[in-house]
Each structure stands twice: as C-alpha cells, then as structure tokens.
Amino acid sequence: MSSTERTSERPAVADRVNVALIAEAVEALGKLQERTGLKKVDLVNRALLVYEFVDAELRAGNQVVLRDPEGRDQLVKIFL
C-alpha cells in the first residue's frame, strides 16, 4: 500500500487547537474515556460535532427531546 493510499483512508488534520479545560470538563472527559475507550482527541471532535448539530437545530426552532426505554419523552432545556 502506498503512502498516498494510507493517507486517503485517514481523516486529515485540518487544524490543531490547544485548550485549557475546566475541572468539570476534565472529569467528563475522563468518564467518557472510561466508558468508550476512545482517545481524548476523538471525544473532543465528537463533542464539537454534537454541539454544532444541537446549536443549529435549536436556532432553527427545534427542540431536543430524550426518550427513555419505556417510551416517555423528556424535553431537554439547553441554554447556549
């Protein structure tokens, strides 16, 4: 396999960002790593994608609703 083929299979790094996390975010990141086995970079990327999706939906006038296993819905209040 050529280096070009290997590179095309992986997502490209588009930007690098250094951030200082608050204590609650560090704790949440640790819990997510334990539950998922994912790397910090993967969790941060996924979190940003989810945040962008939720933000766009709320700005479009939609609501976020969680449904429990019994089928009961709960409206989630999110303040952005």
PDB file of N, CA and C in Angstrom:
ATOM      1  N   MET A   1       0.851  -1.171   0.000  1.00  0.00           N
ATOM      2  CA  MET A   1       0.000   0.000   0.000  1.00  0.00           C
ATOM      3  C   MET A   1       0.901   1.240   0.000  1.00  0.00           C
ATOM      4  N   SER A   2       0.625   2.153  -0.876  1.00  0.00           N
ATOM      5  CA  SER A   2       1.446   3.359  -0.966  1.00  0.00           C
ATOM      6  C   SER A   2       1.077   4.327   0.151  1.00  0.00           C
ATOM      7  N   SER A   3       1.952   5.299   0.409  1.00  0.00           N
ATOM      8  CA  SER A   3       1.678   6.283   1.452  1.00  0.00           C
ATOM      9  C   SER A   3       0.473   7.139   1.081  1.00  0.00           C
ATOM     10  N   THR A   4       0.237   7.351  -0.202  1.00  0.00           N
ATOM     11  CA  THR A   4      -0.931   8.112  -0.649  1.00  0.00           C
ATOM     12  C   THR A   4      -2.209   7.360  -0.317  1.00  0.00           C
ATOM     13  N   GLU A   5      -2.220   6.055  -0.527  1.00  0.00           N
ATOM     14  CA  GLU A   5      -3.401   5.258  -0.213  1.00  0.00           C
ATOM     15  C   GLU A   5      -3.674   5.268   1.292  1.00  0.00           C
ATOM     16  N   ARG A   6      -2.637   5.122   2.118  1.00  0.00           N
ATOM     17  CA  ARG A   6      -2.822   5.138   3.561  1.00  0.00           C
ATOM     18  C   ARG A   6      -3.350   6.491   4.027  1.00  0.00           C
ATOM     19  N   THR A   7      -2.835   7.563   3.481  1.00  0.00           N
ATOM     20  CA  THR A   7      -3.265   8.904   3.872  1.00  0.00           C
ATOM     21  C   THR A   7      -4.722   9.138   3.526  1.00  0.00           C
ATOM     22  N   SER A   8      -5.183   8.649   2.388  1.00  0.00           N
ATOM     23  CA  SER A   8      -6.558   8.893   1.975  1.00  0.00           C
ATOM     24  C   SER A   8      -7.556   8.134   2.841  1.00  0.00           C
ATOM     25  N   GLU A   9      -7.115   7.109   3.577  1.00  0.00           N
ATOM     26  CA  GLU A   9      -8.017   6.351   4.432  1.00  0.00           C
ATOM     27  C   GLU A   9      -8.251   7.030   5.773  1.00  0.00           C
ATOM     28  N   ARG A  10      -7.347   7.888   6.194  1.00  0.00           N
ATOM     29  CA  ARG A  10      -7.449   8.560   7.485  1.00  0.00           C
ATOM     30  C   ARG A  10      -7.996   9.968   7.301  1.00  0.00           C
ATOM     31  N   PRO A  11      -8.765  10.437   8.285  1.00  0.00           N
ATOM     32  CA  PRO A  11      -9.196  11.833   8.200  1.00  0.00           C
ATOM     33  C   PRO A  11      -7.990  12.758   8.317  1.00  0.00           C
ATOM     34  N   ALA A  12      -7.983  13.792   7.528  1.00  0.00           N
ATOM     35  CA  ALA A  12      -6.880  14.760   7.561  1.00  0.00           C
ATOM     36  C   ALA A  12      -7.020  15.647   8.784  1.00  0.00           C
ATOM     37  N   VAL A  13      -5.901  16.040   9.350  1.00  0.00           N
ATOM     38  CA  VAL A  13      -5.910  17.010  10.439  1.00  0.00           C
ATOM     39  C   VAL A  13      -6.038  18.376   9.791  1.00  0.00           C
ATOM     40  N   ALA A  14      -7.146  19.031  10.039  1.00  0.00           N
ATOM     41  CA  ALA A  14      -7.402  20.316   9.411  1.00  0.00           C
ATOM     42  C   ALA A  14      -6.891  21.477  10.262  1.00  0.00           C
ATOM     43  N   ASP A  15      -6.835  21.279  11.581  1.00  0.00           N
ATOM     44  CA  ASP A  15      -6.421  22.353  12.466  1.00  0.00           C
ATOM     45  C   ASP A  15      -6.030  21.750  13.803  1.00  0.00           C
ATOM     46  N   ARG A  16      -5.117  22.376  14.473  1.00  0.00           N
ATOM     47  CA  ARG A  16      -4.728  21.961  15.822  1.00  0.00           C
ATOM     48  C   ARG A  16      -5.068  23.097  16.771  1.00  0.00           C
ATOM     49  N   VAL A  17      -5.641  22.742  17.923  1.00  0.00           N
ATOM     50  CA  VAL A  17      -6.048  23.732  18.901  1.00  0.00           C
ATOM     51  C   VAL A  17      -5.615  23.253  20.281  1.00  0.00           C
ATOM     52  N   ASN A  18      -5.017  24.134  21.052  1.00  0.00           N
ATOM     53  CA  ASN A  18      -4.705  23.839  22.446  1.00  0.00           C
ATOM     54  C   ASN A  18      -5.733  24.543  23.306  1.00  0.00           C
ATOM     55  N   VAL A  19      -6.348  23.815  24.220  1.00  0.00           N
ATOM     56  CA  VAL A  19      -7.376  24.404  25.066  1.00  0.00           C
ATOM     57  C   VAL A  19      -7.091  24.088  26.531  1.00  0.00           C
ATOM     58  N   ALA A  20      -7.535  24.978  27.390  1.00  0.00           N
ATOM     59  CA  ALA A  20      -7.483  24.748  28.835  1.00  0.00           C
ATOM     60  C   ALA A  20      -8.888  24.344  29.264  1.00  0.00           C
ATOM     61  N   LEU A  21      -9.025  23.148  29.815  1.00  0.00           N
ATOM     62  CA  LEU A  21     -10.333  22.642  30.223  1.00  0.00           C
ATOM     63  C   LEU A  21     -10.608  22.975  31.686  1.00  0.00           C
ATOM     64  N   ILE A  22     -11.855  23.293  31.968  1.00  0.00           N
ATOM     65  CA  ILE A  22     -12.259  23.486  33.355  1.00  0.00           C
ATOM     66  C   ILE A  22     -12.348  22.115  34.021  1.00  0.00           C
ATOM     67  N   ALA A  23     -12.360  22.099  35.347  1.00  0.00           N
ATOM     68  CA  ALA A  23     -12.344  20.841  36.099  1.00  0.00           C
ATOM     69  C   ALA A  23     -13.496  19.906  35.704  1.00  0.00           C
ATOM     70  N   GLU A  24     -14.685  20.455  35.513  1.00  0.00           N
ATOM     71  CA  GLU A  24     -15.842  19.630  35.159  1.00  0.00           C
ATOM     72  C   GLU A  24     -15.660  18.969  33.798  1.00  0.00           C
ATOM     73  N   ALA A  25     -15.042  19.686  32.868  1.00  0.00           N
ATOM     74  CA  ALA A  25     -14.801  19.126  31.541  1.00  0.00           C
ATOM     75  C   ALA A  25     -13.752  18.018  31.598  1.00  0.00           C
ATOM     76  N   VAL A  26     -12.737  18.198  32.425  1.00  0.00           N
ATOM     77  CA  VAL A  26     -11.710  17.165  32.595  1.00  0.00           C
ATOM     78  C   VAL A  26     -12.344  15.898  33.161  1.00  0.00           C
ATOM     79  N   GLU A  27     -13.215  16.066  34.155  1.00  0.00           N
ATOM     80  CA  GLU A  27     -13.901  14.926  34.755  1.00  0.00           C
ATOM     81  C   GLU A  27     -14.798  14.223  33.737  1.00  0.00           C
ATOM     82  N   ALA A  28     -15.534  15.001  32.961  1.00  0.00           N
ATOM     83  CA  ALA A  28     -16.410  14.425  31.938  1.00  0.00           C
ATOM     84  C   ALA A  28     -15.594  13.689  30.880  1.00  0.00           C
ATOM     85  N   LEU A  29     -14.485  14.261  30.492  1.00  0.00           N
ATOM     86  CA  LEU A  29     -13.617  13.630  29.501  1.00  0.00           C
ATOM     87  C   LEU A  29     -13.091  12.297  30.018  1.00  0.00           C
ATOM     88  N   GLY A  30     -12.691  12.266  31.281  1.00  0.00           N
ATOM     89  CA  GLY A  30     -12.214  11.028  31.884  1.00  0.00           C
ATOM     90  C   GLY A  30     -13.290   9.956  31.936  1.00  0.00           C
ATOM     91  N   LYS A  31     -14.509  10.348  32.310  1.00  0.00           N
ATOM     92  CA  LYS A  31     -15.623   9.397  32.356  1.00  0.00           C
ATOM     93  C   LYS A  31     -15.916   8.839  30.968  1.00  0.00           C
ATOM     94  N   LEU A  32     -15.898   9.720  29.972  1.00  0.00           N
ATOM     95  CA  LEU A  32     -16.153   9.277  28.603  1.00  0.00           C
ATOM     96  C   LEU A  32     -15.068   8.331  28.107  1.00  0.00           C
ATOM     97  N   GLN A  33     -13.822   8.620  28.459  1.00  0.00           N
ATOM     98  CA  GLN A  33     -12.727   7.726  28.059  1.00  0.00           C
ATOM     99  C   GLN A  33     -12.914   6.342  28.671  1.00  0.00           C
ATOM    100  N   GLU A  34     -13.296   6.291  29.953  1.00  0.00           N
ATOM    101  CA  GLU A  34     -13.526   5.010  30.620  1.00  0.00           C
ATOM    102  C   GLU A  34     -14.658   4.229  29.960  1.00  0.00           C
ATOM    103  N   ARG A  35     -15.768   4.930  29.656  1.00  0.00           N
ATOM    104  CA  ARG A  35     -16.938   4.250  29.076  1.00  0.00           C
ATOM    105  C   ARG A  35     -16.737   3.836  27.636  1.00  0.00           C
ATOM    106  N   THR A  36     -16.035   4.666  26.863  1.00  0.00           N
ATOM    107  CA  THR A  36     -15.966   4.425  25.420  1.00  0.00           C
ATOM    108  C   THR A  36     -14.656   3.814  24.954  1.00  0.00           C
ATOM    109  N   GLY A  37     -13.580   4.051  25.703  1.00  0.00           N
ATOM    110  CA  GLY A  37     -12.272   3.600  25.259  1.00  0.00           C
ATOM    111  C   GLY A  37     -11.682   4.464  24.156  1.00  0.00           C
ATOM    112  N   LEU A  38     -12.329   5.590  23.868  1.00  0.00           N
ATOM    113  CA  LEU A  38     -11.845   6.481  22.813  1.00  0.00           C
ATOM    114  C   LEU A  38     -10.753   7.400  23.342  1.00  0.00           C
ATOM    115  N   LYS A  39      -9.950   7.915  22.430  1.00  0.00           N
ATOM    116  CA  LYS A  39      -8.905   8.875  22.767  1.00  0.00           C
ATOM    117  C   LYS A  39      -9.530  10.244  23.007  1.00  0.00           C
ATOM    118  N   LYS A  40      -8.805  11.085  23.763  1.00  0.00           N
ATOM    119  CA  LYS A  40      -9.295  12.432  24.059  1.00  0.00           C
ATOM    120  C   LYS A  40      -9.610  13.203  22.786  1.00  0.00           C
ATOM    121  N   VAL A  41      -8.726  13.132  21.810  1.00  0.00           N
ATOM    122  CA  VAL A  41      -8.932  13.888  20.570  1.00  0.00           C
ATOM    123  C   VAL A  41     -10.221  13.454  19.876  1.00  0.00           C
ATOM    124  N   ASP A  42     -10.512  12.156  19.885  1.00  0.00           N
ATOM    125  CA  ASP A  42     -11.741  11.672  19.247  1.00  0.00           C
ATOM    126  C   ASP A  42     -12.976  12.146  20.003  1.00  0.00           C
ATOM    127  N   LEU A  43     -12.902  12.133  21.323  1.00  0.00           N
ATOM    128  CA  LEU A  43     -14.035  12.594  22.128  1.00  0.00           C
ATOM    129  C   LEU A  43     -14.281  14.086  21.936  1.00  0.00           C
ATOM    130  N   VAL A  44     -13.215  14.881  21.894  1.00  0.00           N
ATOM    131  CA  VAL A  44     -13.379  16.324  21.701  1.00  0.00           C
ATOM    132  C   VAL A  44     -13.959  16.602  20.315  1.00  0.00           C
ATOM    133  N   ASN A  45     -13.469  15.913  19.298  1.00  0.00           N
ATOM    134  CA  ASN A  45     -14.023  16.102  17.952  1.00  0.00           C
ATOM    135  C   ASN A  45     -15.504  15.751  17.912  1.00  0.00           C
ATOM    136  N   ARG A  46     -15.875  14.625  18.512  1.00  0.00           N
ATOM    137  CA  ARG A  46     -17.290  14.224  18.525  1.00  0.00           C
ATOM    138  C   ARG A  46     -18.134  15.216  19.302  1.00  0.00           C
ATOM    139  N   ALA A  47     -17.613  15.697  20.431  1.00  0.00           N
ATOM    140  CA  ALA A  47     -18.359  16.662  21.239  1.00  0.00           C
ATOM    141  C   ALA A  47     -18.645  17.933  20.449  1.00  0.00           C
ATOM    142  N   LEU A  48     -17.667  18.409  19.703  1.00  0.00           N
ATOM    143  CA  LEU A  48     -17.867  19.618  18.901  1.00  0.00           C
ATOM    144  C   LEU A  48     -18.891  19.394  17.799  1.00  0.00           C
ATOM    145  N   LEU A  49     -18.860  18.226  17.186  1.00  0.00           N
ATOM    146  CA  LEU A  49     -19.844  17.924  16.140  1.00  0.00           C
ATOM    147  C   LEU A  49     -21.254  17.856  16.710  1.00  0.00           C
ATOM    148  N   VAL A  50     -21.401  17.253  17.884  1.00  0.00           N
ATOM    149  CA  VAL A  50     -22.720  17.190  18.535  1.00  0.00           C
ATOM    150  C   VAL A  50     -23.177  18.585  18.923  1.00  0.00           C
ATOM    151  N   TYR A  51     -22.281  19.373  19.492  1.00  0.00           N
ATOM    152  CA  TYR A  51     -22.632  20.739  19.895  1.00  0.00           C
ATOM    153  C   TYR A  51     -23.087  21.569  18.692  1.00  0.00           C
ATOM    154  N   GLU A  52     -22.373  21.460  17.601  1.00  0.00           N
ATOM    155  CA  GLU A  52     -22.750  22.223  16.407  1.00  0.00           C
ATOM    156  C   GLU A  52     -24.122  21.786  15.904  1.00  0.00           C
ATOM    157  N   PHE A  53     -24.387  20.482  15.912  1.00  0.00           N
ATOM    158  CA  PHE A  53     -25.682  19.965  15.465  1.00  0.00           C
ATOM    159  C   PHE A  53     -26.813  20.491  16.357  1.00  0.00           C
ATOM    160  N   VAL A  54     -26.644  20.382  17.675  1.00  0.00           N
ATOM    161  CA  VAL A  54     -27.679  20.828  18.607  1.00  0.00           C
ATOM    162  C   VAL A  54     -27.892  22.332  18.471  1.00  0.00           C
ATOM    163  N   ASP A  55     -26.830  23.089  18.382  1.00  0.00           N
ATOM    164  CA  ASP A  55     -26.939  24.535  18.227  1.00  0.00           C
ATOM    165  C   ASP A  55     -27.723  24.896  16.966  1.00  0.00           C
ATOM    166  N   ALA A  56     -27.405  24.249  15.855  1.00  0.00           N
ATOM    167  CA  ALA A  56     -28.102  24.529  14.593  1.00  0.00           C
ATOM    168  C   ALA A  56     -29.583  24.182  14.699  1.00  0.00           C
ATOM    169  N   GLU A  57     -29.891  23.052  15.333  1.00  0.00           N
ATOM    170  CA  GLU A  57     -31.293  22.634  15.477  1.00  0.00           C
ATOM    171  C   GLU A  57     -32.072  23.600  16.363  1.00  0.00           C
ATOM    172  N   LEU A  58     -31.483  24.002  17.480  1.00  0.00           N
ATOM    173  CA  LEU A  58     -32.166  24.937  18.370  1.00  0.00           C
ATOM    174  C   LEU A  58     -32.374  26.285  17.693  1.00  0.00           C
ATOM    175  N   ARG A  59     -31.396  26.740  16.940  1.00  0.00           N
ATOM    176  CA  ARG A  59     -31.529  28.018  16.222  1.00  0.00           C
ATOM    177  C   ARG A  59     -32.584  27.937  15.123  1.00  0.00           C
ATOM    178  N   ALA A  60     -32.842  26.728  14.636  1.00  0.00           N
ATOM    179  CA  ALA A  60     -33.881  26.521  13.621  1.00  0.00           C
ATOM    180  C   ALA A  60     -35.264  26.392  14.258  1.00  0.00           C
ATOM    181  N   GLY A  61     -35.319  26.487  15.592  1.00  0.00           N
ATOM    182  CA  GLY A  61     -36.601  26.420  16.283  1.00  0.00           C
ATOM    183  C   GLY A  61     -36.999  25.030  16.734  1.00  0.00           C
ATOM    184  N   ASN A  62     -36.134  24.056  16.577  1.00  0.00           N
ATOM    185  CA  ASN A  62     -36.439  22.691  17.003  1.00  0.00           C
ATOM    186  C   ASN A  62     -36.123  22.509  18.482  1.00  0.00           C
ATOM    187  N   GLN A  63     -36.607  21.393  19.049  1.00  0.00           N
ATOM    188  CA  GLN A  63     -36.366  21.074  20.450  1.00  0.00           C
ATOM    189  C   GLN A  63     -35.555  19.794  20.545  1.00  0.00           C
ATOM    190  N   VAL A  64     -34.875  19.634  21.668  1.00  0.00           N
ATOM    191  CA  VAL A  64     -34.148  18.399  21.951  1.00  0.00           C
ATOM    192  C   VAL A  64     -34.991  17.598  22.935  1.00  0.00           C
ATOM    193  N   VAL A  65     -35.307  16.366  22.561  1.00  0.00           N
ATOM    194  CA  VAL A  65     -36.142  15.506  23.391  1.00  0.00           C
ATOM    195  C   VAL A  65     -35.433  14.171  23.577  1.00  0.00           C
ATOM    196  N   LEU A  66     -35.407  13.687  24.827  1.00  0.00           N
ATOM    197  CA  LEU A  66     -34.870  12.366  25.115  1.00  0.00           C
ATOM    198  C   LEU A  66     -36.036  11.411  25.358  1.00  0.00           C
ATOM    199  N   ARG A  67     -35.910  10.191  24.856  1.00  0.00           N
ATOM    200  CA  ARG A  67     -36.946   9.182  25.061  1.00  0.00           C
ATOM    201  C   ARG A  67     -36.337   8.033  25.851  1.00  0.00           C
ATOM    202  N   ASP A  68     -36.958   7.696  26.998  1.00  0.00           N
ATOM    203  CA  ASP A  68     -36.438   6.603  27.810  1.00  0.00           C
ATOM    204  C   ASP A  68     -36.904   5.266  27.235  1.00  0.00           C
ATOM    205  N   PRO A  69     -36.375   4.155  27.746  1.00  0.00           N
ATOM    206  CA  PRO A  69     -36.722   2.841  27.198  1.00  0.00           C
ATOM    207  C   PRO A  69     -38.222   2.515  27.254  1.00  0.00           C
ATOM    208  N   GLU A  70     -38.951   3.160  28.167  1.00  0.00           N
ATOM    209  CA  GLU A  70     -40.402   2.927  28.250  1.00  0.00           C
ATOM    210  C   GLU A  70     -41.192   3.811  27.294  1.00  0.00           C
ATOM    211  N   GLY A  71     -40.502   4.644  26.528  1.00  0.00           N
ATOM    212  CA  GLY A  71     -41.167   5.483  25.545  1.00  0.00           C
ATOM    213  C   GLY A  71     -41.604   6.843  26.060  1.00  0.00           C
ATOM    214  N   ARG A  72     -41.209   7.187  27.287  1.00  0.00           N
ATOM    215  CA  ARG A  72     -41.567   8.501  27.833  1.00  0.00           C
ATOM    216  C   ARG A  72     -40.580   9.541  27.321  1.00  0.00           C
ATOM    217  N   ASP A  73     -41.115  10.664  26.863  1.00  0.00           N
ATOM    218  CA  ASP A  73     -40.282  11.750  26.348  1.00  0.00           C
ATOM    219  C   ASP A  73     -40.002  12.769  27.435  1.00  0.00           C
ATOM    220  N   GLN A  74     -38.817  13.348  27.376  1.00  0.00           N
ATOM    221  CA  GLN A  74     -38.430  14.411  28.294  1.00  0.00           C
ATOM    222  C   GLN A  74     -37.783  15.518  27.476  1.00  0.00           C
ATOM    223  N   LEU A  75     -38.362  16.706  27.545  1.00  0.00           N
ATOM    224  CA  LEU A  75     -37.806  17.859  26.859  1.00  0.00           C
ATOM    225  C   LEU A  75     -36.526  18.284  27.571  1.00  0.00           C
ATOM    226  N   VAL A  76     -35.467  18.493  26.813  1.00  0.00           N
ATOM    227  CA  VAL A  76     -34.184  18.896  27.377  1.00  0.00           C
ATOM    228  C   VAL A  76     -34.021  20.390  27.187  1.00  0.00           C
ATOM    229  N   LYS A  77     -33.816  21.099  28.266  1.00  0.00           N
ATOM    230  CA  LYS A  77     -33.604  22.543  28.193  1.00  0.00           C
ATOM    231  C   LYS A  77     -32.100  22.786  28.067  1.00  0.00           C
ATOM    232  N   ILE A  78     -31.709  23.408  26.982  1.00  0.00           N
ATOM    233  CA  ILE A  78     -30.308  23.694  26.744  1.00  0.00           C
ATOM    234  C   ILE A  78     -30.160  25.193  26.535  1.00  0.00           C
ATOM    235  N   PHE A  79     -29.261  25.777  27.278  1.00  0.00           N
ATOM    236  CA  PHE A  79     -29.013  27.205  27.170  1.00  0.00           C
ATOM    237  C   PHE A  79     -27.655  27.400  26.515  1.00  0.00           C
ATOM    238  N   LEU A  80     -27.677  27.938  25.313  1.00  0.00           N
ATOM    239  CA  LEU A  80     -26.422  28.143  24.578  1.00  0.00           C
ATOM    240  C   LEU A  80     -26.007  29.593  24.652  1.00  0.00           C
TER     241      LEU A  80
END
